[in-house]
Amino acid sequence: MKLQISPYDTRQEQYREDPFKMLMVCFMLNQTSHKQVDQVREAFFDRFPNAESLAAASESEIADMIRPLGFYNRRAKAWKIFSEQWIAAVEKFGGTNIPLEELEKMRGVGKYALDSWRVFQLYDYKVEPEDHVLNWYVDWARKEVERIAREGAEYRPMSVYYMHFQDDRGFINNWNRCSDYVCCVMARTQNEAIEITEKLALKQKGAKCIKILGIGHCKTEWTEMVQPIRTNAEEYREKVKALFDKIYSS
């Protein structure tokens, strides 16, 4: 899902409509601050608006333009090679829809550039970046996708099964003194159903935290309940075991 510009207004977002420039910005940001990049990027793209113009330039001309970034001679040489590889890849694949495995072979394309490509060109927000700004964006994007899905969906009756614990040791060594419970709520997404359930469940006497066991559909009339329903723990475990036995045998 392609999203609106984020509150972070990252450099990759600013150039996402031009994949070549977006990757060049990633190269600029490598071992360089945003402030240093901002000193050169607009003038750089005015002079080199595409891969062809960069490939045709001399290394000395490129180096002179990017001196504030540091490592300018090494960058100039690498960027010329990358530009030539980019031109060949665009011709090979008939456009900028270049596979990741092909990008990985290009000069200077490391994890940061590949993560940026996945996020801003493929709209893959499951990426786990190492860069802190990219991490901020991915966290925002995941929440934004959830918000859009939530606002576009209809409320449905859902049942959320969980265990509640009297302290967080329950997550370490299964220490607990409570049986399993279920909340039946109206929600637009599973995450929203969990949020509503947590608000109800943590009002129970002695409950400090909960662990979700499963989410399913339920009857609309069940959702009139404003309190969690205590279930028969043994019966529930038997149903779960029977379900898994059926899955494993199929």
C-alpha atoms as a PDB file:
ATOM      1  CA  MET A   1       0.000   0.000   0.000  1.00  0.00           C
ATOM      2  CA  LYS A   2       1.439   3.340  -1.081  1.00  0.00           C
ATOM      3  CA  LEU A   3       1.034   5.835   1.736  1.00  0.00           C
ATOM      4  CA  GLN A   4       0.902   9.591   2.031  1.00  0.00           C
ATOM      5  CA  ILE A   5       4.053  11.478   2.987  1.00  0.00           C
ATOM      6  CA  SER A   6       4.890  10.691   6.600  1.00  0.00           C
ATOM      7  CA  PRO A   7       5.502  13.228   9.375  1.00  0.00           C
ATOM      8  CA  TYR A   8       9.212  12.417   8.977  1.00  0.00           C
ATOM      9  CA  ASP A   9       9.250  13.505   5.300  1.00  0.00           C
ATOM     10  CA  THR A  10      12.281  11.296   4.648  1.00  0.00           C
ATOM     11  CA  ARG A  11      14.594  11.891   1.696  1.00  0.00           C
ATOM     12  CA  GLN A  12      13.540   8.561   0.213  1.00  0.00           C
ATOM     13  CA  GLU A  13       9.895   9.690   0.248  1.00  0.00           C
ATOM     14  CA  GLN A  14      10.800  12.898  -1.541  1.00  0.00           C
ATOM     15  CA  TYR A  15      12.334  10.924  -4.419  1.00  0.00           C
ATOM     16  CA  ARG A  16      10.246   7.737  -4.401  1.00  0.00           C
ATOM     17  CA  GLU A  17       8.672   8.610  -7.764  1.00  0.00           C
ATOM     18  CA  ASP A  18      12.151   8.433  -9.302  1.00  0.00           C
ATOM     19  CA  PRO A  19      13.764   5.150  -8.171  1.00  0.00           C
ATOM     20  CA  PHE A  20      17.211   6.086  -9.514  1.00  0.00           C
ATOM     21  CA  LYS A  21      17.320   9.311  -7.520  1.00  0.00           C
ATOM     22  CA  MET A  22      15.972   7.531  -4.446  1.00  0.00           C
ATOM     23  CA  LEU A  23      18.851   5.054  -4.517  1.00  0.00           C
ATOM     24  CA  MET A  24      21.331   7.875  -5.108  1.00  0.00           C
ATOM     25  CA  VAL A  25      20.002   9.616  -1.990  1.00  0.00           C
ATOM     26  CA  CYS A  26      20.583   6.368  -0.066  1.00  0.00           C
ATOM     27  CA  PHE A  27      24.187   6.370  -1.306  1.00  0.00           C
ATOM     28  CA  MET A  28      24.575   9.993  -0.236  1.00  0.00           C
ATOM     29  CA  LEU A  29      23.238   9.237   3.230  1.00  0.00           C
ATOM     30  CA  ASN A  30      25.661   6.362   3.726  1.00  0.00           C
ATOM     31  CA  GLN A  31      28.129   7.448   6.448  1.00  0.00           C
ATOM     32  CA  THR A  32      26.896  11.039   6.021  1.00  0.00           C
ATOM     33  CA  SER A  33      24.476  13.279   7.911  1.00  0.00           C
ATOM     34  CA  HIS A  34      21.237  14.623   6.442  1.00  0.00           C
ATOM     35  CA  LYS A  35      22.641  18.134   6.840  1.00  0.00           C
ATOM     36  CA  GLN A  36      25.633  17.331   4.623  1.00  0.00           C
ATOM     37  CA  VAL A  37      23.404  15.652   2.027  1.00  0.00           C
ATOM     38  CA  ASP A  38      21.086  18.648   1.901  1.00  0.00           C
ATOM     39  CA  GLN A  39      24.045  20.825   0.952  1.00  0.00           C
ATOM     40  CA  VAL A  40      24.528  19.008  -2.345  1.00  0.00           C
ATOM     41  CA  ARG A  41      21.497  16.950  -3.374  1.00  0.00           C
ATOM     42  CA  GLU A  42      19.466  19.579  -5.236  1.00  0.00           C
ATOM     43  CA  ALA A  43      22.433  20.921  -7.194  1.00  0.00           C
ATOM     44  CA  PHE A  44      23.583  17.347  -7.822  1.00  0.00           C
ATOM     45  CA  PHE A  45      20.248  16.299  -9.338  1.00  0.00           C
ATOM     46  CA  ASP A  46      20.040  19.513 -11.357  1.00  0.00           C
ATOM     47  CA  ARG A  47      23.347  18.568 -12.962  1.00  0.00           C
ATOM     48  CA  PHE A  48      22.741  14.801 -13.052  1.00  0.00           C
ATOM     49  CA  PRO A  49      18.970  14.224 -13.408  1.00  0.00           C
ATOM     50  CA  ASN A  50      19.330  10.627 -14.576  1.00  0.00           C
ATOM     51  CA  ALA A  51      21.713   7.692 -14.812  1.00  0.00           C
ATOM     52  CA  GLU A  52      22.768   8.584 -18.349  1.00  0.00           C
ATOM     53  CA  SER A  53      24.054  12.036 -17.387  1.00  0.00           C
ATOM     54  CA  LEU A  54      25.914  10.653 -14.363  1.00  0.00           C
ATOM     55  CA  ALA A  55      27.506   7.840 -16.360  1.00  0.00           C
ATOM     56  CA  ALA A  56      28.701  10.324 -18.985  1.00  0.00           C
ATOM     57  CA  ALA A  57      30.312  12.694 -16.452  1.00  0.00           C
ATOM     58  CA  SER A  58      33.943  12.545 -15.408  1.00  0.00           C
ATOM     59  CA  GLU A  59      34.873  11.284 -11.967  1.00  0.00           C
ATOM     60  CA  SER A  60      36.529  14.600 -11.179  1.00  0.00           C
ATOM     61  CA  GLU A  61      33.378  16.583 -11.970  1.00  0.00           C
ATOM     62  CA  ILE A  62      31.276  14.328  -9.755  1.00  0.00           C
ATOM     63  CA  ALA A  63      33.847  14.472  -6.948  1.00  0.00           C
ATOM     64  CA  ASP A  64      33.938  18.267  -7.027  1.00  0.00           C
ATOM     65  CA  MET A  65      30.162  18.429  -6.548  1.00  0.00           C
ATOM     66  CA  ILE A  66      30.009  16.010  -3.625  1.00  0.00           C
ATOM     67  CA  ARG A  67      33.028  17.099  -1.570  1.00  0.00           C
ATOM     68  CA  PRO A  68      30.857  17.959   1.503  1.00  0.00           C
ATOM     69  CA  LEU A  69      29.825  14.273   1.715  1.00  0.00           C
ATOM     70  CA  GLY A  70      33.358  12.991   2.240  1.00  0.00           C
ATOM     71  CA  PHE A  71      34.975  10.021   0.455  1.00  0.00           C
ATOM     72  CA  TYR A  72      34.205  11.968  -2.720  1.00  0.00           C
ATOM     73  CA  ASN A  73      36.726  10.251  -5.025  1.00  0.00           C
ATOM     74  CA  ARG A  74      35.607   6.793  -3.966  1.00  0.00           C
ATOM     75  CA  ARG A  75      31.930   7.781  -4.233  1.00  0.00           C
ATOM     76  CA  ALA A  76      32.414   9.308  -7.698  1.00  0.00           C
ATOM     77  CA  LYS A  77      33.975   6.123  -9.053  1.00  0.00           C
ATOM     78  CA  ALA A  78      31.341   3.860  -7.484  1.00  0.00           C
ATOM     79  CA  TRP A  79      28.421   6.031  -8.644  1.00  0.00           C
ATOM     80  CA  LYS A  80      29.590   5.986 -12.260  1.00  0.00           C
ATOM     81  CA  ILE A  81      29.749   2.179 -12.157  1.00  0.00           C
ATOM     82  CA  PHE A  82      26.305   2.002 -10.524  1.00  0.00           C
ATOM     83  CA  SER A  83      24.837   4.321 -13.170  1.00  0.00           C
ATOM     84  CA  GLU A  84      26.098   2.072 -15.956  1.00  0.00           C
ATOM     85  CA  GLN A  85      24.676  -0.994 -14.211  1.00  0.00           C
ATOM     86  CA  TRP A  86      21.352   0.799 -13.685  1.00  0.00           C
ATOM     87  CA  ILE A  87      21.078   1.700 -17.375  1.00  0.00           C
ATOM     88  CA  ALA A  88      21.744  -1.928 -18.339  1.00  0.00           C
ATOM     89  CA  ALA A  89      19.169  -3.228 -15.818  1.00  0.00           C
ATOM     90  CA  VAL A  90      16.455  -0.801 -16.987  1.00  0.00           C
ATOM     91  CA  GLU A  91      17.035  -1.965 -20.562  1.00  0.00           C
ATOM     92  CA  LYS A  92      17.042  -5.627 -19.515  1.00  0.00           C
ATOM     93  CA  PHE A  93      13.803  -5.448 -17.496  1.00  0.00           C
ATOM     94  CA  GLY A  94      12.031  -2.855 -19.597  1.00  0.00           C
ATOM     95  CA  GLY A  95      11.788  -0.230 -16.854  1.00  0.00           C
ATOM     96  CA  THR A  96      12.641   0.459 -13.230  1.00  0.00           C
ATOM     97  CA  ASN A  97      10.796  -2.604 -11.900  1.00  0.00           C
ATOM     98  CA  ILE A  98      14.146  -4.259 -11.204  1.00  0.00           C
ATOM     99  CA  PRO A  99      14.188  -7.443  -9.066  1.00  0.00           C
ATOM    100  CA  LEU A 100      15.875  -7.272  -5.672  1.00  0.00           C
ATOM    101  CA  GLU A 101      18.342  -9.996  -6.587  1.00  0.00           C
ATOM    102  CA  GLU A 102      19.493  -7.848  -9.508  1.00  0.00           C
ATOM    103  CA  LEU A 103      19.814  -4.724  -7.360  1.00  0.00           C
ATOM    104  CA  GLU A 104      21.939  -6.622  -4.847  1.00  0.00           C
ATOM    105  CA  LYS A 105      24.579  -7.164  -7.530  1.00  0.00           C
ATOM    106  CA  MET A 106      24.959  -3.446  -8.272  1.00  0.00           C
ATOM    107  CA  ARG A 107      27.827  -1.337  -6.990  1.00  0.00           C
ATOM    108  CA  GLY A 108      27.162   0.274  -3.621  1.00  0.00           C
ATOM    109  CA  VAL A 109      23.737  -1.303  -3.011  1.00  0.00           C
ATOM    110  CA  GLY A 110      23.823  -2.515   0.592  1.00  0.00           C
ATOM    111  CA  LYS A 111      21.217  -3.273   3.244  1.00  0.00           C
ATOM    112  CA  TYR A 112      20.179   0.347   3.721  1.00  0.00           C
ATOM    113  CA  ALA A 113      19.485   0.869   0.020  1.00  0.00           C
ATOM    114  CA  LEU A 114      17.735  -2.500  -0.299  1.00  0.00           C
ATOM    115  CA  ASP A 115      15.577  -1.831   2.770  1.00  0.00           C
ATOM    116  CA  SER A 116      14.657   1.561   1.321  1.00  0.00           C
ATOM    117  CA  TRP A 117      13.760  -0.061  -2.002  1.00  0.00           C
ATOM    118  CA  ARG A 118      11.512  -2.592  -0.284  1.00  0.00           C
ATOM    119  CA  VAL A 119       9.785   0.115   1.747  1.00  0.00           C
ATOM    120  CA  PHE A 120       9.402   2.944  -0.771  1.00  0.00           C
ATOM    121  CA  GLN A 121       9.233   1.058  -4.077  1.00  0.00           C
ATOM    122  CA  LEU A 122       7.624  -2.267  -3.099  1.00  0.00           C
ATOM    123  CA  TYR A 123       5.646  -0.878  -0.119  1.00  0.00           C
ATOM    124  CA  ASP A 124       6.818  -3.751   2.054  1.00  0.00           C
ATOM    125  CA  TYR A 125       6.520  -2.634   5.681  1.00  0.00           C
ATOM    126  CA  LYS A 126       7.606  -5.967   7.168  1.00  0.00           C
ATOM    127  CA  VAL A 127      11.220  -4.895   6.727  1.00  0.00           C
ATOM    128  CA  GLU A 128      13.379  -4.701   9.861  1.00  0.00           C
ATOM    129  CA  PRO A 129      15.794  -1.840   9.128  1.00  0.00           C
ATOM    130  CA  GLU A 130      18.921  -1.054  11.105  1.00  0.00           C
ATOM    131  CA  ASP A 131      18.804   2.679  10.325  1.00  0.00           C
ATOM    132  CA  HIS A 132      16.923   4.572  13.054  1.00  0.00           C
ATOM    133  CA  VAL A 133      15.121   7.037  10.724  1.00  0.00           C
ATOM    134  CA  LEU A 134      13.979   4.200   8.469  1.00  0.00           C
ATOM    135  CA  ASN A 135      12.816   2.356  11.579  1.00  0.00           C
ATOM    136  CA  TRP A 136      10.721   5.370  12.580  1.00  0.00           C
ATOM    137  CA  TYR A 137       9.131   5.419   9.144  1.00  0.00           C
ATOM    138  CA  VAL A 138       8.374   1.674   9.125  1.00  0.00           C
ATOM    139  CA  ASP A 139       6.753   1.894  12.584  1.00  0.00           C
ATOM    140  CA  TRP A 140       4.609   4.807  11.353  1.00  0.00           C
ATOM    141  CA  ALA A 141       3.743   2.982   8.111  1.00  0.00           C
ATOM    142  CA  ARG A 142       2.541  -0.144   9.919  1.00  0.00           C
ATOM    143  CA  LYS A 143       0.247   1.928  12.131  1.00  0.00           C
ATOM    144  CA  GLU A 144      -0.977   3.905   9.118  1.00  0.00           C
ATOM    145  CA  VAL A 145      -1.839   0.718   7.204  1.00  0.00           C
ATOM    146  CA  GLU A 146      -3.712  -0.542  10.258  1.00  0.00           C
ATOM    147  CA  ARG A 147      -5.581   2.778  10.551  1.00  0.00           C
ATOM    148  CA  ILE A 148      -6.608   2.722   6.880  1.00  0.00           C
ATOM    149  CA  ALA A 149      -7.752  -0.895   7.122  1.00  0.00           C
ATOM    150  CA  ARG A 150      -9.681  -0.116  10.273  1.00  0.00           C
ATOM    151  CA  GLU A 151     -11.453   2.912   8.826  1.00  0.00           C
ATOM    152  CA  GLY A 152     -12.348   1.055   5.642  1.00  0.00           C
ATOM    153  CA  ALA A 153     -13.695  -2.062   7.323  1.00  0.00           C
ATOM    154  CA  GLU A 154     -17.054  -2.871   8.890  1.00  0.00           C
ATOM    155  CA  TYR A 155     -17.524  -3.881  12.504  1.00  0.00           C
ATOM    156  CA  ARG A 156     -17.748  -7.658  12.955  1.00  0.00           C
ATOM    157  CA  PRO A 157     -18.420  -9.803  15.997  1.00  0.00           C
ATOM    158  CA  MET A 158     -15.181 -11.382  17.198  1.00  0.00           C
ATOM    159  CA  SER A 159     -14.245 -13.607  20.084  1.00  0.00           C
ATOM    160  CA  VAL A 160     -10.822 -13.212  21.677  1.00  0.00           C
ATOM    161  CA  TYR A 161      -9.533 -16.042  23.880  1.00  0.00           C
ATOM    162  CA  TYR A 162      -6.821 -15.278  26.409  1.00  0.00           C
ATOM    163  CA  MET A 163      -5.143 -16.200  29.687  1.00  0.00           C
ATOM    164  CA  HIS A 164      -4.688 -13.589  32.352  1.00  0.00           C
ATOM    165  CA  PHE A 165      -1.916 -13.474  34.926  1.00  0.00           C
ATOM    166  CA  GLN A 166      -1.401 -11.834  38.269  1.00  0.00           C
ATOM    167  CA  ASP A 167       2.122 -10.755  37.324  1.00  0.00           C
ATOM    168  CA  ASP A 168       4.435 -10.869  34.342  1.00  0.00           C
ATOM    169  CA  ARG A 169       6.090 -14.084  35.509  1.00  0.00           C
ATOM    170  CA  GLY A 170       3.339 -15.851  33.608  1.00  0.00           C
ATOM    171  CA  PHE A 171       5.144 -15.062  30.389  1.00  0.00           C
ATOM    172  CA  ILE A 172       8.390 -16.528  31.669  1.00  0.00           C
ATOM    173  CA  ASN A 173       7.523 -19.807  33.331  1.00  0.00           C
ATOM    174  CA  ASN A 174       3.764 -20.130  32.757  1.00  0.00           C
ATOM    175  CA  TRP A 175       3.045 -19.116  36.352  1.00  0.00           C
ATOM    176  CA  ASN A 176      -0.639 -18.239  36.727  1.00  0.00           C
ATOM    177  CA  ARG A 177      -3.614 -18.732  39.007  1.00  0.00           C
ATOM    178  CA  CYS A 178      -6.405 -17.968  36.561  1.00  0.00           C
ATOM    179  CA  SER A 179      -8.356 -19.965  34.009  1.00  0.00           C
ATOM    180  CA  ASP A 180      -8.750 -18.961  30.379  1.00  0.00           C
ATOM    181  CA  TYR A 181     -11.323 -16.371  29.382  1.00  0.00           C
ATOM    182  CA  VAL A 182     -12.988 -15.049  26.253  1.00  0.00           C
ATOM    183  CA  CYS A 183     -14.256 -11.580  25.317  1.00  0.00           C
ATOM    184  CA  CYS A 184     -16.885 -11.202  22.595  1.00  0.00           C
ATOM    185  CA  VAL A 185     -16.605  -7.757  21.039  1.00  0.00           C
ATOM    186  CA  MET A 186     -17.468  -5.776  17.922  1.00  0.00           C
ATOM    187  CA  ALA A 187     -14.334  -4.710  16.059  1.00  0.00           C
ATOM    188  CA  ARG A 188     -13.134  -3.820  12.563  1.00  0.00           C
ATOM    189  CA  THR A 189      -9.795  -5.604  12.719  1.00  0.00           C
ATOM    190  CA  GLN A 190      -8.186  -8.280  14.861  1.00  0.00           C
ATOM    191  CA  ASN A 191      -5.835  -5.725  16.403  1.00  0.00           C
ATOM    192  CA  GLU A 192      -8.786  -3.563  17.367  1.00  0.00           C
ATOM    193  CA  ALA A 193     -10.502  -6.612  18.891  1.00  0.00           C
ATOM    194  CA  ILE A 194      -7.398  -7.244  20.998  1.00  0.00           C
ATOM    195  CA  GLU A 195      -7.297  -3.600  22.117  1.00  0.00           C
ATOM    196  CA  ILE A 196     -10.932  -3.727  23.258  1.00  0.00           C
ATOM    197  CA  THR A 197     -10.354  -7.066  24.976  1.00  0.00           C
ATOM    198  CA  GLU A 198      -7.367  -5.734  26.895  1.00  0.00           C
ATOM    199  CA  LYS A 199      -9.440  -2.854  28.245  1.00  0.00           C
ATOM    200  CA  LEU A 200     -12.078  -5.293  29.529  1.00  0.00           C
ATOM    201  CA  ALA A 201      -9.718  -8.019  30.697  1.00  0.00           C
ATOM    202  CA  LEU A 202      -7.408  -5.819  32.735  1.00  0.00           C
ATOM    203  CA  LYS A 203     -10.353  -4.588  34.789  1.00  0.00           C
ATOM    204  CA  GLN A 204     -10.666  -8.036  36.326  1.00  0.00           C
ATOM    205  CA  LYS A 205      -9.610  -8.322  39.916  1.00  0.00           C
ATOM    206  CA  GLY A 206      -6.021  -9.470  40.196  1.00  0.00           C
ATOM    207  CA  ALA A 207      -5.304  -9.346  36.466  1.00  0.00           C
ATOM    208  CA  LYS A 208      -2.045  -7.609  35.600  1.00  0.00           C
ATOM    209  CA  CYS A 209      -1.469  -8.770  32.028  1.00  0.00           C
ATOM    210  CA  ILE A 210      -2.976 -11.119  29.446  1.00  0.00           C
ATOM    211  CA  LYS A 211      -1.689 -13.469  26.771  1.00  0.00           C
ATOM    212  CA  ILE A 212      -3.811 -13.900  23.632  1.00  0.00           C
ATOM    213  CA  LEU A 213      -4.618 -17.535  22.840  1.00  0.00           C
ATOM    214  CA  GLY A 214      -6.708 -17.069  19.722  1.00  0.00           C
ATOM    215  CA  ILE A 215      -9.214 -14.956  17.793  1.00  0.00           C
ATOM    216  CA  GLY A 216     -12.342 -16.172  16.023  1.00  0.00           C
ATOM    217  CA  HIS A 217     -15.807 -15.187  14.890  1.00  0.00           C
ATOM    218  CA  CYS A 218     -18.856 -15.242  17.160  1.00  0.00           C
ATOM    219  CA  LYS A 219     -22.554 -14.450  17.172  1.00  0.00           C
ATOM    220  CA  THR A 220     -23.552 -10.800  17.240  1.00  0.00           C
ATOM    221  CA  GLU A 221     -25.748 -11.271  20.292  1.00  0.00           C
ATOM    222  CA  TRP A 222     -22.775 -12.485  22.307  1.00  0.00           C
ATOM    223  CA  THR A 223     -21.097  -9.092  21.951  1.00  0.00           C
ATOM    224  CA  GLU A 224     -23.660  -7.490  24.250  1.00  0.00           C
ATOM    225  CA  MET A 225     -21.558  -8.803  27.099  1.00  0.00           C
ATOM    226  CA  VAL A 226     -19.589  -6.068  28.840  1.00  0.00           C
ATOM    227  CA  GLN A 227     -17.672  -8.517  31.015  1.00  0.00           C
ATOM    228  CA  PRO A 228     -15.316 -11.342  29.963  1.00  0.00           C
ATOM    229  CA  ILE A 229     -16.855 -14.810  29.863  1.00  0.00           C
ATOM    230  CA  ARG A 230     -15.072 -17.449  31.902  1.00  0.00           C
ATOM    231  CA  THR A 231     -14.713 -20.638  29.901  1.00  0.00           C
ATOM    232  CA  ASN A 232     -14.208 -24.247  30.839  1.00  0.00           C
ATOM    233  CA  ALA A 233     -10.442 -24.508  30.574  1.00  0.00           C
ATOM    234  CA  GLU A 234     -10.369 -28.290  30.138  1.00  0.00           C
ATOM    235  CA  GLU A 235     -13.070 -28.236  27.451  1.00  0.00           C
ATOM    236  CA  TYR A 236     -11.250 -25.449  25.611  1.00  0.00           C
ATOM    237  CA  ARG A 237      -7.944 -27.334  25.695  1.00  0.00           C
ATOM    238  CA  GLU A 238      -9.657 -30.453  24.332  1.00  0.00           C
ATOM    239  CA  LYS A 239     -11.138 -28.481  21.425  1.00  0.00           C
ATOM    240  CA  VAL A 240      -7.773 -26.943  20.601  1.00  0.00           C
ATOM    241  CA  LYS A 241      -6.067 -30.353  20.736  1.00  0.00           C
ATOM    242  CA  ALA A 242      -8.734 -31.848  18.477  1.00  0.00           C
ATOM    243  CA  LEU A 243      -8.258 -29.035  15.988  1.00  0.00           C
ATOM    244  CA  PHE A 244      -4.495 -29.504  15.842  1.00  0.00           C
ATOM    245  CA  ASP A 245      -4.896 -33.300  15.574  1.00  0.00           C
ATOM    246  CA  LYS A 246      -7.126 -32.715  12.555  1.00  0.00           C
ATOM    247  CA  ILE A 247      -4.586 -30.348  10.993  1.00  0.00           C
ATOM    248  CA  TYR A 248      -1.672 -32.708  11.513  1.00  0.00           C
ATOM    249  CA  SER A 249      -3.573 -35.695  10.137  1.00  0.00           C
ATOM    250  CA  SER A 250      -4.650 -33.933   6.947  1.00  0.00           C
END
